[in-house]
């Protein structure tokens, strides 16, 4: 995997996304705190918790505090204020298999960051650590898209396919994400796509 500037920016957003989740409410804050426990060492964990605290108060973060713009079916639209405004559509999986496997909550973000000329970047928070560089799959309709993993986060392997994946998601009722954890457990998360189009439209309007 080539560590391009675009991919490094995706890794940075994955960390910032935790602050977004933390700002959504108490139940999401629990997930953010749990994710902090996966930091490689105590120093990293301390920094992560500090970012979460700043996100909750809306201070000390260029992305500011997340504000909900609306709820559309299974999707929510959000925006942040600050020096680097970010708008995004977010959803959690409707079902997770195997159901007996314990893991943190999962999310999909489709974000726009005007300051970075990013319009529709897809990010997955899987809720469990994967082997860095391992591949996962996003399947919608008859199409399959390769994902690349970094820690417990994943992105579309070929960024040029993001727009095609989003268009497919708008036309089909569900998205499945299949991945394997660092411990070798195979998982399948299923997202319901009703409301995606409206959530994206709302988010994009906020970041024009």
Protein backbone atom coordinates (compact mmCIF):
# COMPACT_ATOMS: atom_id res chain seq x y z
CA UNK A 1 0.00 0.00 0.00
CA UNK A 2 1.42 3.41 -0.97
CA UNK A 3 1.09 5.96 1.82
CA UNK A 4 -0.13 8.80 -0.39
CA UNK A 5 -1.04 12.23 1.01
CA UNK A 6 -4.70 11.35 0.39
CA UNK A 7 -4.44 8.14 2.44
CA UNK A 8 -2.61 9.94 5.26
CA UNK A 9 -5.46 12.47 5.30
CA UNK A 10 -7.93 9.59 5.63
CA UNK A 11 -6.04 8.25 8.64
CA UNK A 12 -6.15 11.71 10.21
CA UNK A 13 -9.91 11.94 9.63
CA UNK A 14 -10.42 8.55 11.27
CA UNK A 15 -9.09 10.04 14.49
CA UNK A 16 -11.17 13.17 14.11
CA UNK A 17 -14.25 11.04 13.44
CA UNK A 18 -14.07 9.83 17.02
CA UNK A 19 -14.55 13.38 18.17
CA UNK A 20 -17.63 13.60 15.93
CA UNK A 21 -19.08 10.43 17.42
CA UNK A 22 -18.33 11.65 20.93
CA UNK A 23 -20.33 14.81 20.26
CA UNK A 24 -23.46 12.85 19.30
CA UNK A 25 -24.50 11.78 22.78
CA UNK A 26 -23.77 9.61 25.84
CA UNK A 27 -24.09 6.23 24.12
CA UNK A 28 -21.68 7.28 21.40
CA UNK A 29 -19.31 8.70 23.99
CA UNK A 30 -18.97 5.25 25.50
CA UNK A 31 -17.80 3.92 22.15
CA UNK A 32 -15.26 6.70 21.83
CA UNK A 33 -13.84 5.96 25.26
CA UNK A 34 -13.67 2.25 24.49
CA UNK A 35 -11.83 2.96 21.25
CA UNK A 36 -9.29 5.02 23.17
CA UNK A 37 -8.39 1.88 25.10
CA UNK A 38 -7.03 0.36 21.89
CA UNK A 39 -4.29 3.00 21.66
CA UNK A 40 -0.86 1.48 21.29
CA UNK A 41 0.46 2.93 24.52
CA UNK A 42 -0.61 5.03 27.47
CA UNK A 43 0.68 8.22 25.87
CA UNK A 44 -1.49 7.74 22.80
CA UNK A 45 -4.48 6.89 24.98
CA UNK A 46 -3.97 10.08 27.00
CA UNK A 47 -3.88 12.17 23.83
CA UNK A 48 -7.04 10.47 22.50
CA UNK A 49 -8.96 11.12 25.71
CA UNK A 50 -7.82 14.73 25.61
CA UNK A 51 -9.24 15.12 22.12
CA UNK A 52 -12.52 13.55 23.24
CA UNK A 53 -12.78 16.01 26.14
CA UNK A 54 -12.13 18.94 23.80
CA UNK A 55 -14.69 17.61 21.31
CA UNK A 56 -17.35 17.38 24.01
CA UNK A 57 -16.80 20.97 25.03
CA UNK A 58 -16.39 22.20 21.47
CA UNK A 59 -12.96 23.64 22.29
CA UNK A 60 -9.45 22.97 21.13
CA UNK A 61 -10.44 21.33 17.84
CA UNK A 62 -10.38 22.96 14.42
CA UNK A 63 -13.36 20.82 13.41
CA UNK A 64 -15.51 22.16 16.25
CA UNK A 65 -18.53 20.45 17.74
CA UNK A 66 -20.84 18.32 15.63
CA UNK A 67 -24.38 19.57 15.08
CA UNK A 68 -27.15 17.29 13.84
CA UNK A 69 -28.80 18.62 10.70
CA UNK A 70 -31.53 15.99 10.48
CA UNK A 71 -32.44 12.31 10.56
CA UNK A 72 -33.50 10.49 7.39
CA UNK A 73 -34.47 6.85 7.74
CA UNK A 74 -31.44 5.03 9.13
CA UNK A 75 -29.11 7.97 8.42
CA UNK A 76 -28.21 11.18 10.16
CA UNK A 77 -26.68 14.33 8.65
CA UNK A 78 -24.17 16.33 10.68
CA UNK A 79 -21.88 19.33 10.35
CA UNK A 80 -19.10 20.88 12.37
CA UNK A 81 -18.14 24.51 12.63
CA UNK A 82 -14.65 25.88 12.97
CA UNK A 83 -11.57 26.51 10.89
CA UNK A 84 -11.95 23.22 9.04
CA UNK A 85 -15.67 22.63 8.50
CA UNK A 86 -16.75 19.04 7.93
CA UNK A 87 -20.18 17.74 6.92
CA UNK A 88 -21.12 14.09 6.84
CA UNK A 89 -23.82 11.44 6.68
CA UNK A 90 -23.57 8.71 9.30
CA UNK A 91 -25.24 5.36 10.01
CA UNK A 92 -24.77 2.28 12.16
CA UNK A 93 -25.26 -1.31 10.95
CA UNK A 94 -28.75 -2.72 11.35
CA UNK A 95 -27.39 -6.21 11.98
CA UNK A 96 -24.00 -7.71 12.83
CA UNK A 97 -22.88 -11.31 12.39
CA UNK A 98 -21.89 -13.33 14.25
CA UNK A 99 -24.18 -11.79 16.85
CA UNK A 100 -22.34 -13.55 19.67
CA UNK A 101 -19.04 -11.76 18.93
CA UNK A 102 -18.30 -8.91 21.34
CA UNK A 103 -17.04 -5.70 19.70
CA UNK A 104 -17.41 -1.95 19.81
CA UNK A 105 -20.15 -0.18 17.81
CA UNK A 106 -19.56 0.29 14.08
CA UNK A 107 -20.26 3.30 11.87
CA UNK A 108 -20.06 4.44 8.27
CA UNK A 109 -19.21 8.08 7.52
CA UNK A 110 -19.58 9.78 4.15
CA UNK A 111 -17.87 13.11 4.61
CA UNK A 112 -17.17 16.38 2.85
CA UNK A 113 -14.27 18.63 3.86
CA UNK A 114 -14.25 21.74 1.64
CA UNK A 115 -10.91 23.01 2.96
CA UNK A 116 -9.29 19.80 1.64
CA UNK A 117 -11.41 19.64 -1.53
CA UNK A 118 -12.95 16.38 -0.31
CA UNK A 119 -16.57 15.88 -1.39
CA UNK A 120 -17.65 12.28 -0.66
CA UNK A 121 -15.10 10.28 1.30
CA UNK A 122 -16.29 6.96 2.74
CA UNK A 123 -14.89 5.81 6.08
CA UNK A 124 -15.83 2.79 8.19
CA UNK A 125 -15.25 2.42 11.92
CA UNK A 126 -15.38 -1.36 12.28
CA UNK A 127 -15.48 -1.67 16.07
CA UNK A 128 -12.56 -4.10 16.26
CA UNK A 129 -8.88 -4.08 15.25
CA UNK A 130 -7.92 -5.56 11.92
CA UNK A 131 -4.49 -6.41 10.58
CA UNK A 132 -3.09 -3.24 9.02
CA UNK A 133 -3.19 -3.43 5.25
CA UNK A 134 -5.63 -6.34 5.20
CA UNK A 135 -8.55 -6.20 2.82
CA UNK A 136 -12.25 -6.19 3.54
CA UNK A 137 -15.25 -5.93 1.20
CA UNK A 138 -18.26 -3.68 0.82
CA UNK A 139 -21.04 -5.30 -1.17
CA UNK A 140 -24.15 -3.61 -2.55
CA UNK A 141 -26.42 -5.16 -5.15
CA UNK A 142 -24.22 -7.24 -7.45
CA UNK A 143 -21.19 -4.99 -6.96
CA UNK A 144 -18.26 -5.57 -4.63
CA UNK A 145 -15.72 -2.95 -3.53
CA UNK A 146 -12.37 -3.69 -1.88
CA UNK A 147 -11.61 -1.91 1.38
CA UNK A 148 -8.22 -1.33 3.00
CA UNK A 149 -7.77 -1.54 6.78
CA UNK A 150 -5.79 0.55 9.25
CA UNK A 151 -6.34 -0.40 12.88
CA UNK A 152 -10.11 -0.56 13.37
CA UNK A 153 -10.86 1.76 10.43
CA UNK A 154 -11.33 0.98 6.74
CA UNK A 155 -11.63 2.92 3.49
CA UNK A 156 -12.39 2.16 -0.14
CA UNK A 157 -9.11 0.81 -1.50
CA UNK A 158 -9.44 2.71 -4.77
CA UNK A 159 -10.70 6.25 -3.97
CA UNK A 160 -11.80 6.60 -7.60
CA UNK A 161 -14.53 4.03 -6.87
CA UNK A 162 -16.09 5.97 -3.99
CA UNK A 163 -18.57 7.82 -6.20
CA UNK A 164 -19.61 4.54 -7.86
CA UNK A 165 -20.15 2.93 -4.46
CA UNK A 166 -22.28 5.86 -3.27
CA UNK A 167 -24.42 5.77 -6.42
CA UNK A 168 -24.94 2.03 -5.96
CA UNK A 169 -25.90 2.61 -2.32
CA UNK A 170 -28.56 5.11 -3.39
CA UNK A 171 -30.15 2.49 -5.65
CA UNK A 172 -30.18 -0.52 -3.33
CA UNK A 173 -31.75 -1.26 0.07
CA UNK A 174 -28.70 -2.52 1.92
CA UNK A 175 -24.91 -2.56 2.14
CA UNK A 176 -22.90 -5.40 3.66
CA UNK A 177 -19.35 -5.00 4.94
CA UNK A 178 -17.28 -8.14 5.43
CA UNK A 179 -13.99 -8.08 7.28
CA UNK A 180 -11.65 -10.25 9.33
CA UNK A 181 -10.36 -9.17 12.71
CA UNK A 182 -6.73 -9.31 13.80
CA UNK A 183 -7.71 -12.48 15.69
CA UNK A 184 -9.03 -14.13 12.54
CA UNK A 185 -12.76 -13.70 13.20
CA UNK A 186 -14.84 -13.09 10.06
CA UNK A 187 -17.64 -10.55 10.48
CA UNK A 188 -20.50 -9.18 8.41
CA UNK A 189 -22.17 -5.83 9.12
CA UNK A 190 -25.36 -4.94 7.24
CA UNK A 191 -26.40 -1.31 6.77
CA UNK A 192 -29.90 -0.26 5.71
CA UNK A 193 -29.65 2.46 3.06
CA UNK A 194 -33.05 4.13 3.35
CA UNK A 195 -32.56 7.85 3.87
CA UNK A 196 -28.99 7.95 2.54
CA UNK A 197 -29.78 10.23 -0.39
CA UNK A 198 -31.56 12.81 1.77
CA UNK A 199 -28.82 12.73 4.42
CA UNK A 200 -26.11 13.28 1.83
CA UNK A 201 -28.03 16.11 0.21
CA UNK A 202 -28.44 17.82 3.58
CA UNK A 203 -24.79 17.38 4.46
CA UNK A 204 -23.56 18.61 1.07
CA UNK A 205 -25.71 21.72 1.25
CA UNK A 206 -24.19 22.56 4.63
CA UNK A 207 -20.68 22.38 3.19
CA UNK A 208 -21.18 24.33 -0.03
